Amino acid sequence: MWQANVGSGSGRATTYKDLLTKMVGFATSQGVDTVAVNAGGTGYVVGDIINLPHAGAFLLARFEVLTVSAGAITSLRIVSNGAYGNRGTSATVSAGGSNYAVGNILQVQGGSYRCRAKFSVATLSGSAVATVTAFEDGGAYSSTPSNPAATTKVGPTAGTGSGCTLTVTYSGLIGSTNLTTAGGTGTGATVDITLAQTGATEERNDNKATFNSLTDEKEVVLKFDATGRTNKPYVGFCTGTTTSGINTRPFIAIIGMIAHNPAAAMSAQPNIVGTPGTFSTDGIYMMTDENAAQEMDFWITCDDLRIGGVYNINSGAANTDDGQYMQWYAGFMDTFATESENPYPMFVGATSRDRSVDPSTSQINHTGLAECLAPTAASSPHYFYRVETGTWVNIQNSVNFGNDVYAPSGMGPMCKLQEPTSAGGLTPLEWVATATGSPLVLHNAIGSTSRGTVTRRLLPIPGTVDHFFPIPLTVISHPGTTTNQVQDTVRGQLRGFFWQYNTDGSAATITNFSEDYITIGSDRYRVFHNHVQTALYQFIAIKEDV
């Protein structure tokens, strides 16, 4: 499933907590899997974008008009799958309980769900709940709880409230035929759809963590379906802020997990990477802008194995290449091994490694999925892979744009891993081998090294027209660390994420290249530059999984 929320009024993320809420809402909902025109309406033109409103729509599905006949739509393309569910939309208090505080978050218990509804305490009668308002995404239910429903206080920390029950009204799930659309230049179009699960279920979704004097930080754990696999990937998320001088930096920390114990603290979960609670360097962070009013465009791809994407913390920039695009991925990769050989082929990472850094400036504490840089040889980078033995190893291509050092794993095609020699030294080995010892030969074959024009400079594959070459981002690792190896091991590919070449390392701007797309067959690949770095390997492409 694919969701792009871009531009004012489009449902873009408003805060770091809202970004996480939208990630969870999308991962646990159903999206439009197929769409067909029921009635074509009148007045539409090719290129119109129409959407699918509904009371249970947390994020809207969007369709591009491909063909029309005398203003009536004849065919559509899905451009965002949306997030639909049977959601709790409102509630009245059946029993108020005691010891609550205004602002407490109550989570509805019971029913069959992918995500549970939450309500915020609006007013009290003494210490009992008097009225509530809907909070976050309303949940996603296949079978709703019986009314009145019990609740559990999941934040913030004020009050020890218990005993509140609610009578909840639900939206119902969107239908499948003759559905009204909105938007575009015309009116009257209706569609028929089918829905499919995005692929995750919440295991934890609290709003009561305390950090940096705030008592309502979020802690979330998602369990992915991993259809056909015995082992399932779990991904944890924790929000927080860091104050440094006059600046406050909000972030979402990502935690790779293979199981979840709801009775244990996030930091006590088994075999995790990116331990919450410490929140220091060598972590995995989705940094957002210090300006809480700065809305963020976002692009999310999610299925039953993983979730990932890009968000722009400078969405107000006049030029998309002035955007600051943060990248992240968490969950299973497409693996080249069987489940018994590699039970948990997890890859977890995000653009920033330190919660105390400014995400809007170019520095070594930021890097992209293709670059995988690290500040020093001794420090961890931003990306981690779980090997068969259960150890998390870092993905590191080079150090501070300079000389490479030995790392157990790197990200192809740009990894330039160092192999240890029997004498104790390091011998460079490039996964992308070329006659000159530099991967630039490969670069020049499929991309341009000139940025002297304001137009896109992607070159087609030699001998073809308008056929570009996205190369899968591939984790490569050494079989050992103490002896010279002649062959690396291909571990797996990041599902739907690709390296796309277009830079010579200069700081010149390619106008409107970011957020554009390339097309291969019927598939689109959305292209983004690598945050604010100006080194090589600047662009990535993400397949729009619609």
Protein backbone atom coordinates (compact mmCIF):
# COMPACT_ATOMS: atom_id res chain seq x y z
CA MET A 1 0.00 0.00 0.00
CA TRP A 2 1.11 3.53 -0.77
CA GLN A 3 0.04 6.86 0.70
CA ALA A 4 1.21 10.29 -0.41
CA ASN A 5 -0.14 13.32 1.46
CA VAL A 6 1.38 16.37 -0.16
CA GLY A 7 0.38 20.03 -0.18
CA SER A 8 -1.76 22.29 1.95
CA GLY A 9 -5.08 20.77 2.99
CA SER A 10 -4.08 17.29 1.93
CA GLY A 11 -3.87 15.68 5.36
CA ARG A 12 -0.11 16.17 5.69
CA ALA A 13 1.40 15.61 9.15
CA THR A 14 1.13 18.57 11.52
CA THR A 15 3.51 17.44 14.31
CA TYR A 16 5.90 14.60 15.03
CA LYS A 17 3.16 12.84 17.04
CA ASP A 18 0.69 13.34 14.22
CA LEU A 19 3.20 11.84 11.78
CA LEU A 20 3.43 8.70 13.92
CA THR A 21 -0.37 8.60 14.30
CA LYS A 22 -0.74 8.68 10.51
CA MET A 23 1.89 5.96 10.10
CA VAL A 24 0.01 3.71 12.55
CA GLY A 25 -3.41 4.55 11.10
CA PHE A 26 -2.21 3.70 7.60
CA ALA A 27 -0.46 0.46 8.63
CA THR A 28 -3.48 -0.90 10.52
CA SER A 29 -6.26 0.10 8.10
CA GLN A 30 -7.59 -1.21 4.81
CA GLY A 31 -6.71 0.48 1.53
CA VAL A 32 -8.32 0.58 -1.88
CA ASP A 33 -6.85 -2.38 -3.77
CA THR A 34 -8.78 -1.99 -7.04
CA VAL A 35 -10.97 0.77 -8.47
CA ALA A 36 -13.38 0.82 -11.42
CA VAL A 37 -15.60 3.53 -12.79
CA ASN A 38 -19.25 3.06 -11.88
CA ALA A 39 -20.58 6.34 -13.31
CA GLY A 40 -18.31 8.69 -15.25
CA GLY A 41 -19.96 11.98 -14.23
CA THR A 42 -19.47 15.15 -16.26
CA GLY A 43 -16.88 17.87 -16.71
CA TYR A 44 -13.71 15.88 -15.90
CA VAL A 45 -10.38 16.15 -17.71
CA VAL A 46 -7.39 13.84 -17.97
CA GLY A 47 -5.07 14.38 -15.00
CA ASP A 48 -7.80 15.30 -12.52
CA ILE A 49 -7.24 13.90 -9.02
CA ILE A 50 -10.39 12.72 -7.27
CA ASN A 51 -10.69 11.24 -3.80
CA LEU A 52 -12.96 8.92 -1.84
CA PRO A 53 -14.47 10.50 1.30
CA HIS A 54 -16.13 8.45 4.05
CA ALA A 55 -16.68 8.74 7.81
CA GLY A 56 -14.25 5.84 8.31
CA ALA A 57 -11.53 7.37 6.11
CA PHE A 58 -8.55 8.36 8.23
CA LEU A 59 -6.52 9.01 5.07
CA LEU A 60 -8.23 9.48 1.72
CA ALA A 61 -7.70 7.26 -1.32
CA ARG A 62 -6.89 9.30 -4.42
CA PHE A 63 -7.34 8.40 -8.07
CA GLU A 64 -5.88 9.98 -11.20
CA VAL A 65 -8.18 10.35 -14.20
CA LEU A 66 -6.48 8.55 -17.08
CA THR A 67 -9.10 8.79 -19.83
CA VAL A 68 -12.37 10.63 -20.41
CA SER A 69 -15.12 10.59 -23.01
CA ALA A 70 -16.97 13.89 -23.44
CA GLY A 71 -16.08 14.84 -19.86
CA ALA A 72 -17.07 11.47 -18.36
CA ILE A 73 -14.35 9.44 -16.64
CA THR A 74 -13.65 6.13 -18.39
CA SER A 75 -10.57 4.92 -16.48
CA LEU A 76 -8.68 5.69 -13.26
CA ARG A 77 -5.36 4.98 -11.63
CA ILE A 78 -4.85 4.62 -7.86
CA VAL A 79 -2.28 7.14 -6.64
CA SER A 80 -2.89 6.71 -2.88
CA ASN A 81 -4.64 3.70 -1.35
CA GLY A 82 -6.12 5.53 1.64
CA ALA A 83 -6.82 4.23 5.15
CA TYR A 84 -10.36 2.99 5.78
CA GLY A 85 -11.79 1.23 8.80
CA ASN A 86 -14.77 0.76 11.07
CA ARG A 87 -13.79 3.55 13.46
CA GLY A 88 -15.02 4.96 16.74
CA THR A 89 -16.26 8.43 15.84
CA SER A 90 -17.95 9.61 19.04
CA ALA A 91 -18.87 8.35 22.53
CA THR A 92 -21.01 9.17 25.53
CA VAL A 93 -20.07 8.31 29.09
CA SER A 94 -21.98 5.40 30.61
CA ALA A 95 -20.03 5.28 33.90
CA GLY A 96 -17.61 8.05 34.82
CA GLY A 97 -15.31 6.10 37.14
CA SER A 98 -13.02 8.10 39.41
CA ASN A 99 -9.63 9.79 39.76
CA TYR A 100 -9.40 11.07 36.18
CA ALA A 101 -7.96 14.34 34.88
CA VAL A 102 -8.92 16.44 31.88
CA GLY A 103 -6.76 15.37 28.92
CA ASN A 104 -6.46 11.72 29.98
CA ILE A 105 -6.54 9.38 26.99
CA LEU A 106 -8.90 6.40 27.25
CA GLN A 107 -8.43 3.38 25.02
CA VAL A 108 -11.52 1.27 24.27
CA GLN A 109 -11.14 -2.40 25.20
CA GLY A 110 -12.66 -5.46 23.54
CA GLY A 111 -13.75 -6.32 20.02
CA SER A 112 -11.61 -7.56 17.13
CA TYR A 113 -9.29 -4.87 15.92
CA ARG A 114 -6.19 -3.87 14.05
CA CYS A 115 -6.11 -0.64 16.06
CA ARG A 116 -8.21 0.42 19.07
CA ALA A 117 -10.25 3.60 19.36
CA LYS A 118 -9.18 6.31 21.81
CA PHE A 119 -11.06 9.18 23.41
CA SER A 120 -9.80 12.20 25.32
CA VAL A 121 -11.38 13.28 28.60
CA ALA A 122 -12.96 16.68 27.90
CA THR A 123 -14.79 17.49 31.15
CA LEU A 124 -15.15 16.01 34.64
CA SER A 125 -17.84 15.71 37.28
CA GLY A 126 -15.68 15.71 40.38
CA SER A 127 -12.99 13.20 39.42
CA ALA A 128 -15.36 11.19 37.19
CA VAL A 129 -15.38 11.49 33.42
CA ALA A 130 -18.33 13.58 32.18
CA THR A 131 -17.66 14.00 28.45
CA VAL A 132 -15.07 12.77 25.95
CA THR A 133 -13.95 13.67 22.44
CA ALA A 134 -12.55 11.43 19.68
CA PHE A 135 -8.75 11.16 19.64
CA GLU A 136 -6.28 10.15 16.92
CA ASP A 137 -7.54 7.75 14.22
CA GLY A 138 -10.61 6.10 15.81
CA GLY A 139 -9.20 2.58 15.53
CA ALA A 140 -9.99 -0.10 12.94
CA TYR A 141 -12.39 -2.93 13.87
CA SER A 142 -13.68 -6.06 12.20
CA SER A 143 -15.95 -6.65 15.21
CA THR A 144 -16.71 -3.72 17.51
CA PRO A 145 -16.74 -3.98 21.33
CA SER A 146 -20.08 -4.41 23.06
CA ASN A 147 -21.54 -1.19 24.50
CA PRO A 148 -20.95 0.06 27.11
CA ALA A 149 -17.27 -0.68 26.57
CA ALA A 150 -14.55 -0.75 29.20
CA THR A 151 -11.62 1.63 28.80
CA THR A 152 -8.00 1.73 29.93
CA LYS A 153 -6.16 4.99 30.60
CA VAL A 154 -3.19 5.10 28.25
CA GLY A 155 -2.02 8.65 28.99
CA PRO A 156 -1.01 11.18 30.01
CA THR A 157 0.35 10.36 33.47
CA ALA A 158 -1.87 12.73 35.51
CA GLY A 159 -4.52 10.92 37.52
CA THR A 160 -4.91 7.25 38.37
CA GLY A 161 -8.36 7.02 36.78
CA SER A 162 -10.26 3.76 36.43
CA GLY A 163 -13.80 2.53 35.93
CA CYS A 164 -14.93 4.68 33.00
CA THR A 165 -17.12 2.94 30.41
CA LEU A 166 -18.23 4.44 27.12
CA THR A 167 -21.06 3.93 24.66
CA VAL A 168 -19.27 4.30 21.33
CA THR A 169 -20.66 5.12 17.90
CA TYR A 170 -18.77 3.60 14.98
CA SER A 171 -18.50 4.72 11.35
CA GLY A 172 -18.86 1.33 9.71
CA LEU A 173 -16.55 0.28 6.88
CA ILE A 174 -16.84 1.97 3.50
CA GLY A 175 -18.91 0.05 0.95
CA SER A 176 -17.74 -1.39 -2.35
CA THR A 177 -20.13 -0.15 -5.07
CA ASN A 178 -21.48 3.16 -6.36
CA LEU A 179 -19.32 5.24 -4.02
CA THR A 180 -19.39 9.03 -4.32
CA THR A 181 -16.12 10.81 -5.12
CA ALA A 182 -14.97 14.38 -4.59
CA GLY A 183 -12.49 16.71 -6.26
CA GLY A 184 -11.38 17.29 -9.81
CA THR A 185 -12.95 19.66 -12.31
CA GLY A 186 -16.14 17.64 -12.78
CA THR A 187 -19.00 16.24 -10.74
CA GLY A 188 -21.02 13.08 -10.34
CA ALA A 189 -18.38 10.35 -10.73
CA THR A 190 -18.92 7.19 -8.68
CA VAL A 191 -16.64 4.18 -8.31
CA ASP A 192 -16.58 0.53 -7.33
CA ILE A 193 -13.69 -0.65 -5.19
CA THR A 194 -12.19 -3.60 -3.38
CA LEU A 195 -10.26 -3.25 -0.13
CA ALA A 196 -7.21 -5.05 1.26
CA GLN A 197 -5.50 -4.98 4.65
CA THR A 198 -2.35 -2.91 4.74
CA GLY A 199 -0.67 -5.54 6.92
CA ALA A 200 -0.07 -4.60 10.58
CA THR A 201 -1.78 -4.77 13.98
CA GLU A 202 -1.02 -2.59 16.99
CA GLU A 203 0.44 -4.46 19.95
CA ARG A 204 0.93 -1.29 22.00
CA ASN A 205 -0.32 2.25 21.42
CA ASP A 206 0.14 4.41 24.53
CA ASN A 207 0.30 8.16 25.07
CA LYS A 208 1.83 8.16 28.55
CA ALA A 209 5.60 8.05 28.21
CA THR A 210 7.52 10.80 30.04
CA PHE A 211 10.55 12.43 28.45
CA ASN A 212 11.99 15.94 28.54
CA SER A 213 9.23 17.12 30.93
CA LEU A 214 6.42 15.94 28.63
CA THR A 215 4.09 13.24 29.97
CA ASP A 216 2.17 12.37 26.81
CA GLU A 217 4.84 10.95 24.51
CA LYS A 218 3.74 8.01 22.34
CA GLU A 219 4.96 4.40 22.51
CA VAL A 220 3.77 2.12 19.70
CA VAL A 221 4.52 -1.46 18.67
CA LEU A 222 3.30 -2.82 15.34
CA LYS A 223 3.20 -6.53 14.50
CA PHE A 224 3.24 -7.29 10.79
CA ASP A 225 1.30 -10.21 9.28
CA ALA A 226 4.27 -11.65 7.32
CA THR A 227 1.92 -13.93 5.40
CA GLY A 228 3.35 -17.42 4.96
CA ARG A 229 6.09 -16.94 7.52
CA THR A 230 6.16 -18.40 11.02
CA ASN A 231 8.22 -15.52 12.38
CA LYS A 232 6.74 -12.05 12.36
CA PRO A 233 8.52 -8.69 12.41
CA TYR A 234 7.71 -6.24 15.19
CA VAL A 235 8.59 -2.55 15.02
CA GLY A 236 8.50 -0.14 17.94
CA PHE A 237 8.24 3.65 17.82
CA CYS A 238 8.79 6.19 20.62
CA THR A 239 8.29 9.95 20.34
CA GLY A 240 10.29 12.51 22.28
CA THR A 241 11.89 15.93 22.23
CA THR A 242 15.36 17.21 23.05
CA THR A 243 16.08 20.73 24.26
CA SER A 244 19.47 22.17 23.35
CA GLY A 245 19.93 25.84 24.11
CA ILE A 246 16.86 27.61 22.77
CA ASN A 247 16.03 24.84 20.30
CA THR A 248 13.74 21.86 20.84
CA ARG A 249 14.14 18.95 18.45
CA PRO A 250 11.19 16.54 18.16
CA PHE A 251 11.90 12.98 17.02
CA ILE A 252 10.46 9.52 16.53
CA ALA A 253 12.83 6.75 17.61
CA ILE A 254 12.52 3.42 15.78
CA ILE A 255 13.14 0.12 17.59
CA GLY A 256 13.67 -3.17 15.78
CA MET A 257 12.08 -6.11 17.63
CA ILE A 258 11.33 -9.81 17.12
CA ALA A 259 8.70 -10.09 19.87
CA HIS A 260 6.67 -7.93 22.21
CA ASN A 261 5.88 -8.36 25.88
CA PRO A 262 3.06 -5.89 26.72
CA ALA A 263 3.82 -6.16 30.44
CA ALA A 264 7.42 -5.02 29.97
CA ALA A 265 8.83 -1.58 29.29
CA MET A 266 9.83 -0.80 25.72
CA SER A 267 13.49 -0.85 26.73
CA ALA A 268 13.06 -4.35 28.19
CA GLN A 269 11.73 -6.01 25.03
CA PRO A 270 13.76 -9.00 23.82
CA ASN A 271 16.59 -8.63 21.30
CA ILE A 272 15.94 -5.05 20.27
CA VAL A 273 18.04 -2.47 18.48
CA GLY A 274 17.63 1.25 19.08
CA THR A 275 16.92 1.00 22.79
CA PRO A 276 14.32 3.55 23.94
CA GLY A 277 14.91 5.49 27.13
CA THR A 278 18.58 6.15 26.41
CA PHE A 279 17.84 8.32 23.37
CA SER A 280 21.44 9.25 22.62
CA THR A 281 23.82 8.93 19.71
CA ASP A 282 23.98 5.65 17.80
CA GLY A 283 20.18 5.51 17.77
CA ILE A 284 17.63 5.36 14.95
CA TYR A 285 15.73 8.61 14.67
CA MET A 286 13.13 10.21 12.45
CA MET A 287 13.91 13.86 13.20
CA THR A 288 11.28 16.52 12.51
CA ASP A 289 11.43 20.29 12.35
CA GLU A 290 11.75 22.29 15.57
CA ASN A 291 8.90 24.49 14.37
CA ALA A 292 5.82 22.70 15.67
CA ALA A 293 3.66 24.55 13.12
CA GLN A 294 5.70 23.27 10.17
CA GLU A 295 3.49 20.75 8.36
CA MET A 296 5.22 17.82 6.70
CA ASP A 297 4.49 16.18 3.37
CA PHE A 298 4.90 12.43 3.63
CA TRP A 299 5.05 9.31 1.47
CA ILE A 300 4.51 5.93 3.17
CA THR A 301 4.83 2.44 1.75
CA CYS A 302 3.59 -0.45 3.87
CA ASP A 303 2.74 -4.11 3.49
CA ASP A 304 2.68 -7.21 5.68
CA LEU A 305 6.49 -7.28 5.97
CA ARG A 306 7.64 -3.72 6.53
CA ILE A 307 6.87 -0.02 6.65
CA GLY A 308 8.99 2.84 5.38
CA GLY A 309 9.03 6.02 3.38
CA VAL A 310 10.04 9.66 3.21
CA TYR A 311 8.82 12.86 4.85
CA ASN A 312 9.79 16.44 4.11
CA ILE A 313 10.55 18.74 7.04
CA ASN A 314 10.78 21.75 4.70
CA SER A 315 7.52 21.26 2.82
CA GLY A 316 7.06 25.01 2.49
CA ALA A 317 10.09 25.39 0.22
CA ALA A 318 9.37 27.03 -3.13
CA ASN A 319 11.47 24.43 -4.94
CA THR A 320 11.15 20.74 -4.16
CA ASP A 321 14.93 20.32 -4.33
CA ASP A 322 15.12 22.68 -1.37
CA GLY A 323 13.11 20.15 0.58
CA GLN A 324 14.73 18.15 3.37
CA TYR A 325 13.71 14.56 2.80
CA MET A 326 14.09 12.15 5.70
CA GLN A 327 14.15 8.45 4.85
CA TRP A 328 13.26 5.43 6.98
CA TYR A 329 12.61 1.69 6.72
CA ALA A 330 11.66 -0.88 9.36
CA GLY A 331 10.81 -4.57 9.04
CA PHE A 332 11.73 -7.54 6.88
CA MET A 333 13.63 -7.31 3.61
CA ASP A 334 13.12 -9.38 0.49
CA THR A 335 15.53 -12.13 1.43
CA PHE A 336 17.67 -14.53 -0.59
CA ALA A 337 17.56 -17.17 2.17
CA THR A 338 14.89 -19.49 3.52
CA GLU A 339 13.16 -18.78 6.81
CA SER A 340 15.15 -21.50 8.56
CA GLU A 341 18.40 -20.05 7.22
CA ASN A 342 17.50 -16.49 8.15
CA PRO A 343 14.51 -16.37 10.53
CA TYR A 344 14.40 -12.59 10.98
CA PRO A 345 15.86 -10.73 7.97
CA MET A 346 15.14 -7.37 9.59
CA PHE A 347 16.50 -4.04 8.49
CA VAL A 348 15.82 -0.96 10.61
CA GLY A 349 17.02 2.57 10.09
CA ALA A 350 16.27 6.27 9.68
CA THR A 351 18.06 9.33 8.40
CA SER A 352 19.38 10.60 11.74
CA ARG A 353 21.56 8.87 14.32
CA ASP A 354 21.43 11.52 17.08
CA ARG A 355 18.33 13.11 18.59
CA SER A 356 20.25 16.31 19.46
CA VAL A 357 21.08 17.42 15.92
CA ASP A 358 19.53 19.97 13.59
CA PRO A 359 17.86 18.01 10.77
CA SER A 360 17.82 21.05 8.48
CA THR A 361 21.62 21.33 8.12
CA SER A 362 24.07 19.17 6.21
CA GLN A 363 26.15 17.17 8.64
CA ILE A 364 27.46 13.66 9.08
CA ASN A 365 24.78 12.81 11.64
CA HIS A 366 22.38 12.62 8.69
CA THR A 367 22.69 10.13 5.89
CA GLY A 368 20.55 8.34 3.35
CA LEU A 369 19.61 4.74 2.69
CA ALA A 370 22.00 4.56 -0.24
CA GLU A 371 24.95 6.35 1.42
CA CYS A 372 25.01 4.78 4.91
CA LEU A 373 27.73 7.07 6.21
CA ALA A 374 29.00 7.18 9.80
CA PRO A 375 30.73 10.00 11.68
CA THR A 376 33.67 7.91 12.91
CA ALA A 377 34.91 4.37 12.68
CA ALA A 378 33.99 3.76 16.31
CA SER A 379 30.42 5.07 16.11
CA SER A 380 27.38 3.32 14.79
CA PRO A 381 25.63 4.63 11.70
CA HIS A 382 21.89 4.93 11.29
CA TYR A 383 20.96 1.53 9.87
CA PHE A 384 21.05 -1.99 11.29
CA TYR A 385 20.54 -5.53 10.02
CA ARG A 386 19.80 -8.63 12.12
CA VAL A 387 21.95 -11.64 11.18
CA GLU A 388 20.99 -15.28 11.63
CA THR A 389 22.70 -15.53 15.03
CA GLY A 390 20.40 -12.85 16.45
CA THR A 391 23.02 -10.08 16.48
CA TRP A 392 22.26 -6.64 15.10
CA VAL A 393 25.11 -5.41 12.89
CA ASN A 394 25.51 -1.91 11.52
CA ILE A 395 25.24 -1.02 7.85
CA GLN A 396 28.14 1.27 7.05
CA ASN A 397 29.55 2.18 3.66
CA SER A 398 32.10 4.80 4.67
CA VAL A 399 33.15 7.22 7.40
CA ASN A 400 32.62 10.98 7.20
CA PHE A 401 32.79 11.02 3.39
CA GLY A 402 36.38 9.82 3.73
CA ASN A 403 38.33 6.59 3.99
CA ASP A 404 36.41 3.41 4.53
CA VAL A 405 36.90 1.11 7.49
CA TYR A 406 35.87 -2.44 8.11
CA ALA A 407 32.15 -2.85 8.69
CA PRO A 408 30.27 -6.13 8.90
CA SER A 409 27.67 -5.00 6.36
CA GLY A 410 27.15 -2.33 3.74
CA MET A 411 24.42 -1.12 1.41
CA GLY A 412 24.81 -1.95 -2.26
CA PRO A 413 25.25 -0.87 -4.92
CA MET A 414 27.43 1.80 -3.33
CA CYS A 415 29.00 -0.14 -0.49
CA LYS A 416 32.79 -0.20 -0.48
CA LEU A 417 33.43 -2.59 2.36
CA GLN A 418 36.88 -3.17 3.78
CA GLU A 419 37.95 -6.75 4.21
CA PRO A 420 40.38 -7.71 6.99
CA THR A 421 43.63 -9.32 5.88
CA SER A 422 45.51 -12.11 7.57
CA ALA A 423 48.16 -9.55 8.52
CA GLY A 424 45.62 -7.51 10.43
CA GLY A 425 45.28 -4.72 7.89
CA LEU A 426 42.35 -3.65 5.74
CA THR A 427 42.00 -4.28 2.04
CA PRO A 428 39.33 -2.37 0.11
CA LEU A 429 36.81 -4.44 -1.80
CA GLU A 430 34.14 -2.77 -3.84
CA TRP A 431 30.94 -4.67 -4.34
CA VAL A 432 30.44 -2.79 -7.59
CA ALA A 433 33.69 -3.80 -9.28
CA THR A 434 35.01 -1.70 -12.16
CA ALA A 435 38.16 -1.61 -14.21
CA THR A 436 39.31 1.61 -12.57
CA GLY A 437 38.61 0.52 -9.02
CA SER A 438 35.89 3.14 -8.78
CA PRO A 439 32.13 2.66 -9.08
CA LEU A 440 31.97 5.86 -11.16
CA VAL A 441 32.26 3.74 -14.30
CA LEU A 442 28.91 2.21 -13.44
CA HIS A 443 27.56 5.68 -12.64
CA ASN A 444 28.49 7.08 -16.03
CA ALA A 445 26.81 4.19 -17.80
CA ILE A 446 23.38 4.97 -16.40
CA GLY A 447 23.40 8.56 -15.20
CA SER A 448 24.78 12.01 -15.83
CA THR A 449 27.72 13.59 -14.07
CA SER A 450 26.70 17.04 -15.25
CA ARG A 451 24.45 19.29 -13.19
CA GLY A 452 24.90 22.35 -15.36
CA THR A 453 21.28 22.38 -16.46
CA VAL A 454 18.06 23.07 -14.62
CA THR A 455 16.37 20.07 -16.21
CA ARG A 456 16.49 16.47 -15.11
CA ARG A 457 19.69 14.71 -16.08
CA LEU A 458 18.74 11.09 -15.73
CA LEU A 459 20.07 9.24 -18.74
CA PRO A 460 18.26 6.21 -20.16
CA ILE A 461 19.77 2.77 -20.27
CA PRO A 462 22.07 2.74 -23.32
CA GLY A 463 20.14 1.83 -26.46
CA THR A 464 16.71 2.59 -25.05
CA VAL A 465 14.47 5.60 -24.80
CA ASP A 466 13.06 6.83 -21.48
CA HIS A 467 13.98 3.60 -19.70
CA PHE A 468 15.78 4.30 -16.46
CA PHE A 469 17.64 1.98 -14.19
CA PRO A 470 16.64 1.97 -10.50
CA ILE A 471 19.01 -0.41 -8.72
CA PRO A 472 17.65 -2.28 -5.67
CA LEU A 473 19.20 -1.25 -2.37
CA THR A 474 20.88 -4.47 -1.28
CA VAL A 475 22.47 -5.39 2.05
CA ILE A 476 25.89 -6.98 1.55
CA SER A 477 27.93 -8.53 4.36
CA HIS A 478 31.18 -10.35 4.99
CA PRO A 479 31.09 -14.02 6.00
CA GLY A 480 33.79 -13.38 8.60
CA THR A 481 35.79 -10.68 10.35
CA THR A 482 39.22 -12.19 10.96
CA THR A 483 40.30 -13.66 7.65
CA ASN A 484 40.52 -12.29 4.16
CA GLN A 485 37.39 -13.13 2.22
CA VAL A 486 37.08 -13.26 -1.54
CA GLN A 487 33.31 -13.11 -1.71
CA ASP A 488 30.66 -11.12 0.11
CA THR A 489 27.19 -12.37 0.95
CA VAL A 490 24.06 -10.83 -0.51
CA ARG A 491 21.65 -10.66 2.42
CA GLY A 492 18.54 -9.19 0.87
CA GLN A 493 16.97 -6.17 -0.77
CA LEU A 494 14.99 -3.35 0.78
CA ARG A 495 11.52 -4.03 -0.56
CA GLY A 496 10.52 -1.28 -2.98
CA PHE A 497 13.56 0.98 -2.33
CA PHE A 498 16.11 1.73 -5.06
CA TRP A 499 19.23 3.77 -5.75
CA GLN A 500 18.85 6.28 -8.59
CA TYR A 501 21.92 8.10 -9.82
CA ASN A 502 21.96 11.79 -10.74
CA THR A 503 24.76 13.92 -9.34
CA ASP A 504 28.43 14.71 -9.66
CA GLY A 505 28.72 15.75 -6.02
CA SER A 506 28.34 19.47 -6.69
CA ALA A 507 25.89 21.69 -4.88
CA ALA A 508 24.01 22.82 -7.99
CA THR A 509 20.25 22.34 -7.98
CA ILE A 510 18.29 20.13 -10.34
CA THR A 511 15.01 22.02 -10.54
CA ASN A 512 11.92 20.06 -9.54
CA PHE A 513 13.59 16.69 -9.68
CA SER A 514 12.65 15.58 -6.18
CA GLU A 515 9.10 14.28 -5.85
CA ASP A 516 8.99 13.61 -9.59
CA TYR A 517 8.68 10.04 -10.80
CA ILE A 518 9.93 7.62 -13.40
CA THR A 519 7.75 4.96 -15.01
CA ILE A 520 8.71 1.39 -15.83
CA GLY A 521 5.87 -0.50 -17.47
CA SER A 522 2.81 0.27 -15.36
CA ASP A 523 4.86 0.97 -12.21
CA ARG A 524 5.83 4.37 -10.87
CA TYR A 525 8.92 5.07 -8.80
CA ARG A 526 8.86 8.29 -6.78
CA VAL A 527 12.30 9.94 -6.65
CA PHE A 528 13.77 11.96 -3.77
CA HIS A 529 17.12 13.54 -3.22
CA ASN A 530 19.10 12.44 -0.22
CA HIS A 531 18.09 15.04 2.38
CA VAL A 532 20.63 17.90 2.42
CA GLN A 533 23.85 16.05 1.62
CA THR A 534 25.68 16.97 -1.57
CA ALA A 535 27.88 13.89 -1.87
CA LEU A 536 27.53 11.14 -4.41
CA TYR A 537 24.66 8.64 -4.40
CA GLN A 538 22.19 11.43 -3.83
CA PHE A 539 18.87 10.02 -5.03
CA ILE A 540 16.62 7.17 -4.02
CA ALA A 541 13.44 5.93 -5.69
CA ILE A 542 10.52 4.24 -3.94
CA LYS A 543 8.06 2.08 -5.82
CA GLU A 544 4.52 3.32 -5.43
CA ASP A 545 3.01 0.11 -4.08
CA VAL A 546 -0.56 0.66 -5.32
